[in-house]
């Protein structure tokens, strides 16, 4: 499926980047034909001199009873990109999160502060 509708702001940002790199106006078409969707609640990142590697997956409590609770990080996907793409991703995620927090309020990272007491 090729997306040909009016571009959301994120696609406009990509078009602007392409124009800066090529010096020409570029139209962005998104082909979602082979897209797969995966849920992740955990990630880890590593890098080399040339690339950033990000593993995505699930934090799953280990059902085996032990003295110390254990969580298994089940890696399901790895994305490898150059540092330029990684920086664009970081900037885009910052913008998306900022818009979300403006609309719905700040996302509290401290889990203990998110919990409600039943008093």
PDB file of N, CA and C in Angstrom:
ATOM      1  N   UNK A   1       0.851  -1.169   0.000  1.00  0.00           N
ATOM      2  CA  UNK A   1       0.000   0.000   0.000  1.00  0.00           C
ATOM      3  C   UNK A   1       0.900   1.236   0.000  1.00  0.00           C
ATOM      4  N   UNK A   2       0.712   2.124  -0.945  1.00  0.00           N
ATOM      5  CA  UNK A   2       1.481   3.357  -1.017  1.00  0.00           C
ATOM      6  C   UNK A   2       0.614   4.481  -0.489  1.00  0.00           C
ATOM      7  N   UNK A   3       1.150   5.210   0.491  1.00  0.00           N
ATOM      8  CA  UNK A   3       0.401   6.310   1.098  1.00  0.00           C
ATOM      9  C   UNK A   3       0.566   7.531   0.220  1.00  0.00           C
ATOM     10  N   UNK A   4      -0.535   8.062  -0.290  1.00  0.00           N
ATOM     11  CA  UNK A   4      -0.492   9.178  -1.207  1.00  0.00           C
ATOM     12  C   UNK A   4      -1.330  10.341  -0.696  1.00  0.00           C
ATOM     13  N   UNK A   5      -1.859  10.235   0.543  1.00  0.00           N
ATOM     14  CA  UNK A   5      -2.695  11.285   1.090  1.00  0.00           C
ATOM     15  C   UNK A   5      -1.829  12.445   1.533  1.00  0.00           C
ATOM     16  N   UNK A   6      -2.478  13.486   2.093  1.00  0.00           N
ATOM     17  CA  UNK A   6      -1.719  14.628   2.595  1.00  0.00           C
ATOM     18  C   UNK A   6      -0.769  14.161   3.680  1.00  0.00           C
ATOM     19  N   UNK A   7       0.428  14.688   3.654  1.00  0.00           N
ATOM     20  CA  UNK A   7       1.475  14.226   4.555  1.00  0.00           C
ATOM     21  C   UNK A   7       1.309  14.792   5.948  1.00  0.00           C
ATOM     22  N   UNK A   8       1.423  13.951   6.979  1.00  0.00           N
ATOM     23  CA  UNK A   8       1.446  14.472   8.343  1.00  0.00           C
ATOM     24  C   UNK A   8       2.730  15.253   8.567  1.00  0.00           C
ATOM     25  N   UNK A   9       2.816  16.045   9.653  1.00  0.00           N
ATOM     26  CA  UNK A   9       4.004  16.867   9.903  1.00  0.00           C
ATOM     27  C   UNK A   9       5.311  16.080   9.903  1.00  0.00           C
ATOM     28  N   UNK A  10       5.300  14.852  10.381  1.00  0.00           N
ATOM     29  CA  UNK A  10       6.523  14.050  10.427  1.00  0.00           C
ATOM     30  C   UNK A  10       7.037  13.795   9.016  1.00  0.00           C
ATOM     31  N   UNK A  11       6.145  13.486   8.068  1.00  0.00           N
ATOM     32  CA  UNK A  11       6.557  13.261   6.692  1.00  0.00           C
ATOM     33  C   UNK A  11       7.077  14.552   6.065  1.00  0.00           C
ATOM     34  N   UNK A  12       6.477  15.681   6.416  1.00  0.00           N
ATOM     35  CA  UNK A  12       6.958  16.966   5.919  1.00  0.00           C
ATOM     36  C   UNK A  12       8.381  17.211   6.392  1.00  0.00           C
ATOM     37  N   UNK A  13       8.679  16.832   7.635  1.00  0.00           N
ATOM     38  CA  UNK A  13      10.026  16.981   8.186  1.00  0.00           C
ATOM     39  C   UNK A  13      11.020  16.158   7.365  1.00  0.00           C
ATOM     40  N   UNK A  14      10.662  14.946   6.990  1.00  0.00           N
ATOM     41  CA  UNK A  14      11.535  14.084   6.189  1.00  0.00           C
ATOM     42  C   UNK A  14      11.743  14.700   4.811  1.00  0.00           C
ATOM     43  N   UNK A  15      10.668  15.260   4.230  1.00  0.00           N
ATOM     44  CA  UNK A  15      10.789  15.913   2.924  1.00  0.00           C
ATOM     45  C   UNK A  15      11.736  17.107   3.004  1.00  0.00           C
ATOM     46  N   UNK A  16      11.656  17.881   4.098  1.00  0.00           N
ATOM     47  CA  UNK A  16      12.559  19.020   4.277  1.00  0.00           C
ATOM     48  C   UNK A  16      14.012  18.554   4.366  1.00  0.00           C
ATOM     49  N   UNK A  17      14.249  17.465   5.090  1.00  0.00           N
ATOM     50  CA  UNK A  17      15.609  16.930   5.203  1.00  0.00           C
ATOM     51  C   UNK A  17      16.127  16.495   3.838  1.00  0.00           C
ATOM     52  N   UNK A  18      15.284  15.833   3.075  1.00  0.00           N
ATOM     53  CA  UNK A  18      15.690  15.372   1.749  1.00  0.00           C
ATOM     54  C   UNK A  18      16.004  16.560   0.845  1.00  0.00           C
ATOM     55  N   UNK A  19      15.225  17.621   0.955  1.00  0.00           N
ATOM     56  CA  UNK A  19      15.462  18.813   0.146  1.00  0.00           C
ATOM     57  C   UNK A  19      16.793  19.464   0.525  1.00  0.00           C
ATOM     58  N   UNK A  20      17.091  19.503   1.821  1.00  0.00           N
ATOM     59  CA  UNK A  20      18.367  20.076   2.265  1.00  0.00           C
ATOM     60  C   UNK A  20      19.540  19.251   1.744  1.00  0.00           C
ATOM     61  N   UNK A  21      19.394  17.944   1.695  1.00  0.00           N
ATOM     62  CA  UNK A  21      20.484  17.077   1.271  1.00  0.00           C
ATOM     63  C   UNK A  21      20.687  17.098  -0.242  1.00  0.00           C
ATOM     64  N   UNK A  22      19.599  17.234  -0.994  1.00  0.00           N
ATOM     65  CA  UNK A  22      19.701  17.166  -2.453  1.00  0.00           C
ATOM     66  C   UNK A  22      19.635  18.530  -3.115  1.00  0.00           C
ATOM     67  N   UNK A  23      19.138  19.534  -2.401  1.00  0.00           N
ATOM     68  CA  UNK A  23      18.965  20.854  -3.000  1.00  0.00           C
ATOM     69  C   UNK A  23      17.728  20.941  -3.878  1.00  0.00           C
ATOM     70  N   UNK A  24      16.919  19.896  -3.893  1.00  0.00           N
ATOM     71  CA  UNK A  24      15.706  19.859  -4.723  1.00  0.00           C
ATOM     72  C   UNK A  24      14.502  19.514  -3.868  1.00  0.00           C
ATOM     73  N   UNK A  25      13.316  19.907  -4.340  1.00  0.00           N
ATOM     74  CA  UNK A  25      12.073  19.507  -3.672  1.00  0.00           C
ATOM     75  C   UNK A  25      11.875  18.017  -3.913  1.00  0.00           C
ATOM     76  N   UNK A  26      11.555  17.299  -2.850  1.00  0.00           N
ATOM     77  CA  UNK A  26      11.384  15.854  -2.935  1.00  0.00           C
ATOM     78  C   UNK A  26      10.010  15.495  -2.380  1.00  0.00           C
ATOM     79  N   UNK A  27       9.277  14.658  -3.099  1.00  0.00           N
ATOM     80  CA  UNK A  27       7.994  14.170  -2.615  1.00  0.00           C
ATOM     81  C   UNK A  27       8.228  12.813  -1.953  1.00  0.00           C
ATOM     82  N   UNK A  28       7.694  12.649  -0.745  1.00  0.00           N
ATOM     83  CA  UNK A  28       7.853  11.404  -0.009  1.00  0.00           C
ATOM     84  C   UNK A  28       6.642  10.513  -0.241  1.00  0.00           C
ATOM     85  N   UNK A  29       6.890   9.271  -0.654  1.00  0.00           N
ATOM     86  CA  UNK A  29       5.833   8.270  -0.755  1.00  0.00           C
ATOM     87  C   UNK A  29       6.181   7.144   0.195  1.00  0.00           C
ATOM     88  N   UNK A  30       5.224   6.712   0.994  1.00  0.00           N
ATOM     89  CA  UNK A  30       5.458   5.669   1.985  1.00  0.00           C
ATOM     90  C   UNK A  30       4.841   4.365   1.490  1.00  0.00           C
ATOM     91  N   UNK A  31       5.666   3.343   1.378  1.00  0.00           N
ATOM     92  CA  UNK A  31       5.211   2.021   0.955  1.00  0.00           C
ATOM     93  C   UNK A  31       5.157   1.142   2.199  1.00  0.00           C
ATOM     94  N   UNK A  32       3.964   0.809   2.663  1.00  0.00           N
ATOM     95  CA  UNK A  32       3.774   0.001   3.862  1.00  0.00           C
ATOM     96  C   UNK A  32       3.449  -1.450   3.532  1.00  0.00           C
ATOM     97  N   UNK A  33       3.659  -1.845   2.286  1.00  0.00           N
ATOM     98  CA  UNK A  33       3.289  -3.186   1.836  1.00  0.00           C
ATOM     99  C   UNK A  33       3.955  -4.294   2.654  1.00  0.00           C
ATOM    100  N   UNK A  34       5.222  -4.154   2.974  1.00  0.00           N
ATOM    101  CA  UNK A  34       5.937  -5.205   3.697  1.00  0.00           C
ATOM    102  C   UNK A  34       6.121  -4.879   5.174  1.00  0.00           C
ATOM    103  N   UNK A  35       5.410  -3.900   5.671  1.00  0.00           N
ATOM    104  CA  UNK A  35       5.551  -3.486   7.058  1.00  0.00           C
ATOM    105  C   UNK A  35       5.067  -4.570   8.015  1.00  0.00           C
ATOM    106  N   UNK A  36       5.798  -4.728   9.105  1.00  0.00           N
ATOM    107  CA  UNK A  36       5.391  -5.608  10.186  1.00  0.00           C
ATOM    108  C   UNK A  36       5.312  -4.773  11.455  1.00  0.00           C
ATOM    109  N   UNK A  37       4.377  -5.087  12.321  1.00  0.00           N
ATOM    110  CA  UNK A  37       4.214  -4.354  13.572  1.00  0.00           C
ATOM    111  C   UNK A  37       4.618  -5.260  14.724  1.00  0.00           C
ATOM    112  N   UNK A  38       5.432  -4.719  15.618  1.00  0.00           N
ATOM    113  CA  UNK A  38       5.905  -5.456  16.776  1.00  0.00           C
ATOM    114  C   UNK A  38       5.779  -4.559  17.996  1.00  0.00           C
ATOM    115  N   UNK A  39       5.364  -5.119  19.131  1.00  0.00           N
ATOM    116  CA  UNK A  39       5.297  -4.373  20.384  1.00  0.00           C
ATOM    117  C   UNK A  39       6.589  -4.607  21.155  1.00  0.00           C
ATOM    118  N   UNK A  40       7.118  -3.555  21.774  1.00  0.00           N
ATOM    119  CA  UNK A  40       8.299  -3.680  22.624  1.00  0.00           C
ATOM    120  C   UNK A  40       8.095  -2.823  23.864  1.00  0.00           C
ATOM    121  N   UNK A  41       8.463  -3.355  25.019  1.00  0.00           N
ATOM    122  CA  UNK A  41       8.430  -2.556  26.244  1.00  0.00           C
ATOM    123  C   UNK A  41       9.832  -2.381  26.818  1.00  0.00           C
ATOM    124  N   UNK A  42      10.837  -2.804  26.035  1.00  0.00           N
ATOM    125  CA  UNK A  42      12.215  -2.667  26.472  1.00  0.00           C
ATOM    126  C   UNK A  42      13.125  -2.535  25.259  1.00  0.00           C
ATOM    127  N   UNK A  43      14.289  -1.925  25.468  1.00  0.00           N
ATOM    128  CA  UNK A  43      15.277  -1.805  24.402  1.00  0.00           C
ATOM    129  C   UNK A  43      16.662  -1.691  25.022  1.00  0.00           C
ATOM    130  N   UNK A  44      17.666  -1.907  24.196  1.00  0.00           N
ATOM    131  CA  UNK A  44      19.047  -1.626  24.575  1.00  0.00           C
ATOM    132  C   UNK A  44      19.747  -1.105  23.326  1.00  0.00           C
ATOM    133  N   UNK A  45      20.736  -0.271  23.526  1.00  0.00           N
ATOM    134  CA  UNK A  45      21.440   0.326  22.398  1.00  0.00           C
ATOM    135  C   UNK A  45      22.940   0.132  22.564  1.00  0.00           C
ATOM    136  N   UNK A  46      23.603  -0.127  21.460  1.00  0.00           N
ATOM    137  CA  UNK A  46      25.053  -0.238  21.395  1.00  0.00           C
ATOM    138  C   UNK A  46      25.510   0.459  20.125  1.00  0.00           C
ATOM    139  N   UNK A  47      26.784   0.765  20.067  1.00  0.00           N
ATOM    140  CA  UNK A  47      27.274   1.419  18.868  1.00  0.00           C
ATOM    141  C   UNK A  47      28.686   1.020  18.528  1.00  0.00           C
ATOM    142  N   UNK A  48      29.004   1.171  17.261  1.00  0.00           N
ATOM    143  CA  UNK A  48      30.366   1.027  16.777  1.00  0.00           C
ATOM    144  C   UNK A  48      30.782   2.418  16.296  1.00  0.00           C
ATOM    145  N   UNK A  49      31.920   2.517  15.684  1.00  0.00           N
ATOM    146  CA  UNK A  49      32.369   3.806  15.163  1.00  0.00           C
ATOM    147  C   UNK A  49      31.465   4.303  14.041  1.00  0.00           C
ATOM    148  N   UNK A  50      30.738   3.413  13.389  1.00  0.00           N
ATOM    149  CA  UNK A  50      29.958   3.789  12.213  1.00  0.00           C
ATOM    150  C   UNK A  50      28.458   3.596  12.350  1.00  0.00           C
ATOM    151  N   UNK A  51      28.011   2.747  13.301  1.00  0.00           N
ATOM    152  CA  UNK A  51      26.588   2.411  13.350  1.00  0.00           C
ATOM    153  C   UNK A  51      26.071   2.328  14.779  1.00  0.00           C
ATOM    154  N   UNK A  52      24.764   2.529  14.895  1.00  0.00           N
ATOM    155  CA  UNK A  52      24.045   2.356  16.151  1.00  0.00           C
ATOM    156  C   UNK A  52      23.187   1.104  15.995  1.00  0.00           C
ATOM    157  N   UNK A  53      23.235   0.231  16.994  1.00  0.00           N
ATOM    158  CA  UNK A  53      22.413  -0.975  16.985  1.00  0.00           C
ATOM    159  C   UNK A  53      21.437  -0.893  18.136  1.00  0.00           C
ATOM    160  N   UNK A  54      20.169  -1.063  17.842  1.00  0.00           N
ATOM    161  CA  UNK A  54      19.140  -1.030  18.874  1.00  0.00           C
ATOM    162  C   UNK A  54      18.383  -2.344  18.849  1.00  0.00           C
ATOM    163  N   UNK A  55      18.351  -3.003  20.006  1.00  0.00           N
ATOM    164  CA  UNK A  55      17.576  -4.229  20.170  1.00  0.00           C
ATOM    165  C   UNK A  55      16.279  -3.870  20.876  1.00  0.00           C
ATOM    166  N   UNK A  56      15.172  -4.382  20.360  1.00  0.00           N
ATOM    167  CA  UNK A  56      13.856  -4.156  20.947  1.00  0.00           C
ATOM    168  C   UNK A  56      13.275  -5.497  21.356  1.00  0.00           C
ATOM    169  N   UNK A  57      12.482  -5.490  22.420  1.00  0.00           N
ATOM    170  CA  UNK A  57      11.879  -6.736  22.861  1.00  0.00           C
ATOM    171  C   UNK A  57      11.005  -6.537  24.072  1.00  0.00           C
ATOM    172  N   UNK A  58      10.839  -7.607  24.832  1.00  0.00           N
ATOM    173  CA  UNK A  58       9.933  -7.611  25.974  1.00  0.00           C
ATOM    174  C   UNK A  58      10.678  -7.966  27.250  1.00  0.00           C
ATOM    175  N   UNK A  59      10.400  -7.220  28.308  1.00  0.00           N
ATOM    176  CA  UNK A  59      10.821  -7.607  29.648  1.00  0.00           C
ATOM    177  C   UNK A  59       9.757  -8.561  30.182  1.00  0.00           C
ATOM    178  N   UNK A  60      10.161  -9.785  30.486  1.00  0.00           N
ATOM    179  CA  UNK A  60       9.227 -10.817  30.927  1.00  0.00           C
ATOM    180  C   UNK A  60       9.692 -11.353  32.271  1.00  0.00           C
ATOM    181  N   UNK A  61       8.840 -11.310  33.293  1.00  0.00           N
ATOM    182  CA  UNK A  61       9.226 -11.898  34.582  1.00  0.00           C
ATOM    183  C   UNK A  61       9.467 -13.398  34.415  1.00  0.00           C
ATOM    184  N   UNK A  62      10.558 -13.892  34.995  1.00  0.00           N
ATOM    185  CA  UNK A  62      10.866 -15.317  34.936  1.00  0.00           C
ATOM    186  C   UNK A  62       9.954 -16.036  35.928  1.00  0.00           C
ATOM    187  N   UNK A  63       9.144 -16.996  35.447  1.00  0.00           N
ATOM    188  CA  UNK A  63       8.199 -17.674  36.345  1.00  0.00           C
ATOM    189  C   UNK A  63       8.857 -18.636  37.329  1.00  0.00           C
ATOM    190  N   UNK A  64      10.130 -18.971  37.111  1.00  0.00           N
ATOM    191  CA  UNK A  64      10.819 -19.889  38.013  1.00  0.00           C
ATOM    192  C   UNK A  64      11.071 -19.180  39.344  1.00  0.00           C
ATOM    193  N   UNK A  65      10.668 -19.827  40.450  1.00  0.00           N
ATOM    194  CA  UNK A  65      10.846 -19.225  41.775  1.00  0.00           C
ATOM    195  C   UNK A  65      12.319 -19.216  42.149  1.00  0.00           C
ATOM    196  N   UNK A  66      12.819 -18.047  42.509  1.00  0.00           N
ATOM    197  CA  UNK A  66      14.205 -17.887  42.929  1.00  0.00           C
ATOM    198  C   UNK A  66      14.244 -16.940  44.107  1.00  0.00           C
ATOM    199  N   UNK A  67      15.382 -16.914  44.784  1.00  0.00           N
ATOM    200  CA  UNK A  67      15.553 -15.978  45.903  1.00  0.00           C
ATOM    201  C   UNK A  67      15.503 -14.540  45.418  1.00  0.00           C
ATOM    202  N   UNK A  68      16.100 -14.292  44.271  1.00  0.00           N
ATOM    203  CA  UNK A  68      16.113 -12.953  43.695  1.00  0.00           C
ATOM    204  C   UNK A  68      15.207 -12.955  42.469  1.00  0.00           C
ATOM    205  N   UNK A  69      14.215 -12.060  42.426  1.00  0.00           N
ATOM    206  CA  UNK A  69      13.352 -12.004  41.233  1.00  0.00           C
ATOM    207  C   UNK A  69      14.195 -11.739  39.983  1.00  0.00           C
ATOM    208  N   UNK A  70      13.764 -12.303  38.870  1.00  0.00           N
ATOM    209  CA  UNK A  70      14.526 -12.189  37.631  1.00  0.00           C
ATOM    210  C   UNK A  70      13.601 -11.789  36.489  1.00  0.00           C
ATOM    211  N   UNK A  71      14.102 -10.913  35.648  1.00  0.00           N
ATOM    212  CA  UNK A  71      13.376 -10.524  34.443  1.00  0.00           C
ATOM    213  C   UNK A  71      14.213 -10.949  33.246  1.00  0.00           C
ATOM    214  N   UNK A  72      13.569 -11.530  32.262  1.00  0.00           N
ATOM    215  CA  UNK A  72      14.242 -11.949  31.035  1.00  0.00           C
ATOM    216  C   UNK A  72      13.949 -10.903  29.969  1.00  0.00           C
ATOM    217  N   UNK A  73      15.000 -10.380  29.317  1.00  0.00           N
ATOM    218  CA  UNK A  73      14.833  -9.465  28.194  1.00  0.00           C
ATOM    219  C   UNK A  73      14.835 -10.307  26.929  1.00  0.00           C
ATOM    220  N   UNK A  74      13.650 -10.508  26.369  1.00  0.00           N
ATOM    221  CA  UNK A  74      13.488 -11.331  25.173  1.00  0.00           C
ATOM    222  C   UNK A  74      13.583 -10.417  23.951  1.00  0.00           C
ATOM    223  N   UNK A  75      14.731 -10.439  23.271  1.00  0.00           N
ATOM    224  CA  UNK A  75      14.956  -9.579  22.107  1.00  0.00           C
ATOM    225  C   UNK A  75      14.185 -10.145  20.921  1.00  0.00           C
ATOM    226  N   UNK A  76      13.384  -9.290  20.294  1.00  0.00           N
ATOM    227  CA  UNK A  76      12.583  -9.719  19.144  1.00  0.00           C
ATOM    228  C   UNK A  76      13.007  -9.051  17.841  1.00  0.00           C
ATOM    229  N   UNK A  77      13.600  -7.862  17.926  1.00  0.00           N
ATOM    230  CA  UNK A  77      13.986  -7.134  16.723  1.00  0.00           C
ATOM    231  C   UNK A  77      15.281  -6.363  16.962  1.00  0.00           C
ATOM    232  N   UNK A  78      16.092  -6.258  15.926  1.00  0.00           N
ATOM    233  CA  UNK A  78      17.300  -5.431  15.975  1.00  0.00           C
ATOM    234  C   UNK A  78      17.236  -4.458  14.799  1.00  0.00           C
ATOM    235  N   UNK A  79      17.478  -3.189  15.094  1.00  0.00           N
ATOM    236  CA  UNK A  79      17.535  -2.155  14.066  1.00  0.00           C
ATOM    237  C   UNK A  79      18.947  -1.584  14.089  1.00  0.00           C
ATOM    238  N   UNK A  80      19.572  -1.539  12.914  1.00  0.00           N
ATOM    239  CA  UNK A  80      20.911  -0.984  12.782  1.00  0.00           C
ATOM    240  C   UNK A  80      20.824   0.218  11.859  1.00  0.00           C
ATOM    241  N   UNK A  81      21.385   1.349  12.302  1.00  0.00           N
ATOM    242  CA  UNK A  81      21.349   2.562  11.484  1.00  0.00           C
ATOM    243  C   UNK A  81      22.628   3.356  11.673  1.00  0.00           C
ATOM    244  N   UNK A  82      22.880   4.267  10.734  1.00  0.00           N
ATOM    245  CA  UNK A  82      24.040   5.128  10.883  1.00  0.00           C
ATOM    246  C   UNK A  82      23.714   6.225  11.896  1.00  0.00           C
ATOM    247  N   UNK A  83      24.721   6.948  12.344  1.00  0.00           N
ATOM    248  CA  UNK A  83      24.531   7.950  13.388  1.00  0.00           C
ATOM    249  C   UNK A  83      23.666   9.124  12.924  1.00  0.00           C
ATOM    250  N   UNK A  84      23.671   9.439  11.653  1.00  0.00           N
ATOM    251  CA  UNK A  84      22.823  10.527  11.148  1.00  0.00           C
ATOM    252  C   UNK A  84      21.346  10.155  11.283  1.00  0.00           C
ATOM    253  N   UNK A  85      21.024   8.930  10.884  1.00  0.00           N
ATOM    254  CA  UNK A  85      19.634   8.467  11.021  1.00  0.00           C
ATOM    255  C   UNK A  85      19.250   8.345  12.484  1.00  0.00           C
ATOM    256  N   UNK A  86      20.185   7.886  13.327  1.00  0.00           N
ATOM    257  CA  UNK A  86      19.907   7.760  14.755  1.00  0.00           C
ATOM    258  C   UNK A  86      19.617   9.133  15.365  1.00  0.00           C
ATOM    259  N   UNK A  87      20.347  10.148  14.956  1.00  0.00           N
ATOM    260  CA  UNK A  87      20.107  11.496  15.482  1.00  0.00           C
ATOM    261  C   UNK A  87      18.752  12.014  15.023  1.00  0.00           C
ATOM    262  N   UNK A  88      18.401  11.766  13.762  1.00  0.00           N
ATOM    263  CA  UNK A  88      17.068  12.181  13.279  1.00  0.00           C
ATOM    264  C   UNK A  88      15.969  11.465  14.055  1.00  0.00           C
ATOM    265  N   UNK A  89      16.192  10.179  14.352  1.00  0.00           N
ATOM    266  CA  UNK A  89      15.224   9.425  15.151  1.00  0.00           C
ATOM    267  C   UNK A  89      15.091  10.040  16.536  1.00  0.00           C
ATOM    268  N   UNK A  90      16.204  10.353  17.178  1.00  0.00           N
ATOM    269  CA  UNK A  90      16.167  10.946  18.519  1.00  0.00           C
ATOM    270  C   UNK A  90      15.414  12.277  18.514  1.00  0.00           C
ATOM    271  N   UNK A  91      15.676  13.112  17.525  1.00  0.00           N
ATOM    272  CA  UNK A  91      14.978  14.406  17.429  1.00  0.00           C
ATOM    273  C   UNK A  91      13.487  14.224  17.185  1.00  0.00           C
ATOM    274  N   UNK A  92      13.142  13.280  16.325  1.00  0.00           N
ATOM    275  CA  UNK A  92      11.732  13.022  16.029  1.00  0.00           C
ATOM    276  C   UNK A  92      11.014  12.487  17.257  1.00  0.00           C
ATOM    277  N   UNK A  93      11.615  11.541  17.982  1.00  0.00           N
ATOM    278  CA  UNK A  93      10.994  11.016  19.200  1.00  0.00           C
ATOM    279  C   UNK A  93      10.809  12.113  20.241  1.00  0.00           C
ATOM    280  N   UNK A  94      11.788  13.010  20.357  1.00  0.00           N
ATOM    281  CA  UNK A  94      11.666  14.133  21.294  1.00  0.00           C
ATOM    282  C   UNK A  94      10.461  14.991  20.943  1.00  0.00           C
ATOM    283  N   UNK A  95      10.263  15.277  19.662  1.00  0.00           N
ATOM    284  CA  UNK A  95       9.115  16.085  19.226  1.00  0.00           C
ATOM    285  C   UNK A  95       7.794  15.373  19.491  1.00  0.00           C
ATOM    286  N   UNK A  96       7.736  14.078  19.194  1.00  0.00           N
ATOM    287  CA  UNK A  96       6.509  13.303  19.401  1.00  0.00           C
ATOM    288  C   UNK A  96       6.144  13.269  20.884  1.00  0.00           C
ATOM    289  N   UNK A  97       7.124  13.039  21.745  1.00  0.00           N
ATOM    290  CA  UNK A  97       6.870  12.976  23.186  1.00  0.00           C
ATOM    291  C   UNK A  97       6.470  14.346  23.722  1.00  0.00           C
ATOM    292  N   UNK A  98       7.106  15.402  23.243  1.00  0.00           N
ATOM    293  CA  UNK A  98       6.757  16.753  23.682  1.00  0.00           C
ATOM    294  C   UNK A  98       5.291  17.070  23.344  1.00  0.00           C
ATOM    295  N   UNK A  99       4.870  16.720  22.122  1.00  0.00           N
ATOM    296  CA  UNK A  99       3.469  16.962  21.727  1.00  0.00           C
ATOM    297  C   UNK A  99       2.516  16.159  22.604  1.00  0.00           C
ATOM    298  N   UNK A 100       2.861  14.905  22.895  1.00  0.00           N
ATOM    299  CA  UNK A 100       2.014  14.053  23.744  1.00  0.00           C
ATOM    300  C   UNK A 100       1.880  14.665  25.136  1.00  0.00           C
ATOM    301  N   UNK A 101       2.998  15.095  25.716  1.00  0.00           N
ATOM    302  CA  UNK A 101       2.960  15.668  27.063  1.00  0.00           C
ATOM    303  C   UNK A 101       2.218  16.994  27.095  1.00  0.00           C
ATOM    304  N   UNK A 102       2.291  17.768  26.033  1.00  0.00           N
ATOM    305  CA  UNK A 102       1.523  19.013  25.969  1.00  0.00           C
ATOM    306  C   UNK A 102       0.025  18.727  25.991  1.00  0.00           C
ATOM    307  N   UNK A 103      -0.379  17.643  25.358  1.00  0.00           N
ATOM    308  CA  UNK A 103      -1.793  17.292  25.280  1.00  0.00           C
ATOM    309  C   UNK A 103      -2.281  16.533  26.511  1.00  0.00           C
ATOM    310  N   UNK A 104      -1.466  15.623  27.056  1.00  0.00           N
ATOM    311  CA  UNK A 104      -1.933  14.716  28.105  1.00  0.00           C
ATOM    312  C   UNK A 104      -1.233  14.878  29.447  1.00  0.00           C
ATOM    313  N   UNK A 105      -0.199  15.691  29.515  1.00  0.00           N
ATOM    314  CA  UNK A 105       0.546  15.861  30.756  1.00  0.00           C
ATOM    315  C   UNK A 105       1.860  15.107  30.725  1.00  0.00           C
ATOM    316  N   UNK A 106       2.708  15.446  31.690  1.00  0.00           N
ATOM    317  CA  UNK A 106       4.050  14.878  31.738  1.00  0.00           C
ATOM    318  C   UNK A 106       4.017  13.374  31.983  1.00  0.00           C
ATOM    319  N   UNK A 107       4.893  12.666  31.303  1.00  0.00           N
ATOM    320  CA  UNK A 107       5.060  11.226  31.510  1.00  0.00           C
ATOM    321  C   UNK A 107       6.041  11.038  32.658  1.00  0.00           C
ATOM    322  N   UNK A 108       5.564  10.489  33.753  1.00  0.00           N
ATOM    323  CA  UNK A 108       6.400  10.273  34.943  1.00  0.00           C
ATOM    324  C   UNK A 108       7.226   9.012  34.747  1.00  0.00           C
ATOM    325  N   UNK A 109       8.550   9.144  34.782  1.00  0.00           N
ATOM    326  CA  UNK A 109       9.436   7.996  34.569  1.00  0.00           C
ATOM    327  C   UNK A 109       9.612   7.157  35.829  1.00  0.00           C
ATOM    328  N   UNK A 110       9.438   7.730  37.000  1.00  0.00           N
ATOM    329  CA  UNK A 110       9.582   7.006  38.269  1.00  0.00           C
ATOM    330  C   UNK A 110       8.298   6.220  38.534  1.00  0.00           C
ATOM    331  N   UNK A 111       8.379   4.892  38.430  1.00  0.00           N
ATOM    332  CA  UNK A 111       7.202   4.035  38.586  1.00  0.00           C
ATOM    333  C   UNK A 111       6.523   4.248  39.947  1.00  0.00           C
ATOM    334  N   UNK A 112       7.310   4.429  40.987  1.00  0.00           N
ATOM    335  CA  UNK A 112       6.717   4.592  42.323  1.00  0.00           C
ATOM    336  C   UNK A 112       5.878   5.856  42.418  1.00  0.00           C
ATOM    337  N   UNK A 113       6.180   6.863  41.644  1.00  0.00           N
ATOM    338  CA  UNK A 113       5.393   8.107  41.648  1.00  0.00           C
ATOM    339  C   UNK A 113       4.120   7.978  40.823  1.00  0.00           C
ATOM    340  N   UNK A 114       4.082   6.978  39.930  1.00  0.00           N
ATOM    341  CA  UNK A 114       2.879   6.760  39.105  1.00  0.00           C
ATOM    342  C   UNK A 114       1.829   5.965  39.814  1.00  0.00           C
ATOM    343  N   UNK A 115       2.214   5.192  40.808  1.00  0.00           N
ATOM    344  CA  UNK A 115       1.261   4.330  41.511  1.00  0.00           C
ATOM    345  C   UNK A 115       0.367   5.149  42.408  1.00  0.00           C
ATOM    346  N   UNK A 116      -0.880   4.754  42.457  1.00  0.00           N
ATOM    347  CA  UNK A 116      -1.856   5.402  43.344  1.00  0.00           C
ATOM    348  C   UNK A 116      -1.982   4.592  44.619  1.00  0.00           C
ATOM    349  N   UNK A 117      -2.093   5.289  45.738  1.00  0.00           N
ATOM    350  CA  UNK A 117      -2.317   4.567  46.995  1.00  0.00           C
ATOM    351  C   UNK A 117      -3.813   4.389  47.175  1.00  0.00           C
ATOM    352  N   UNK A 118      -4.215   3.262  47.745  1.00  0.00           N
ATOM    353  CA  UNK A 118      -5.643   2.957  47.962  1.00  0.00           C
ATOM    354  C   UNK A 118      -6.053   3.344  49.369  1.00  0.00           C
ATOM    355  N   UNK A 119      -5.685   4.537  49.808  1.00  0.00           N
ATOM    356  CA  UNK A 119      -6.029   4.980  51.162  1.00  0.00           C
ATOM    357  C   UNK A 119      -7.373   5.631  51.194  1.00  0.00           C
TER     358      UNK A 119
END
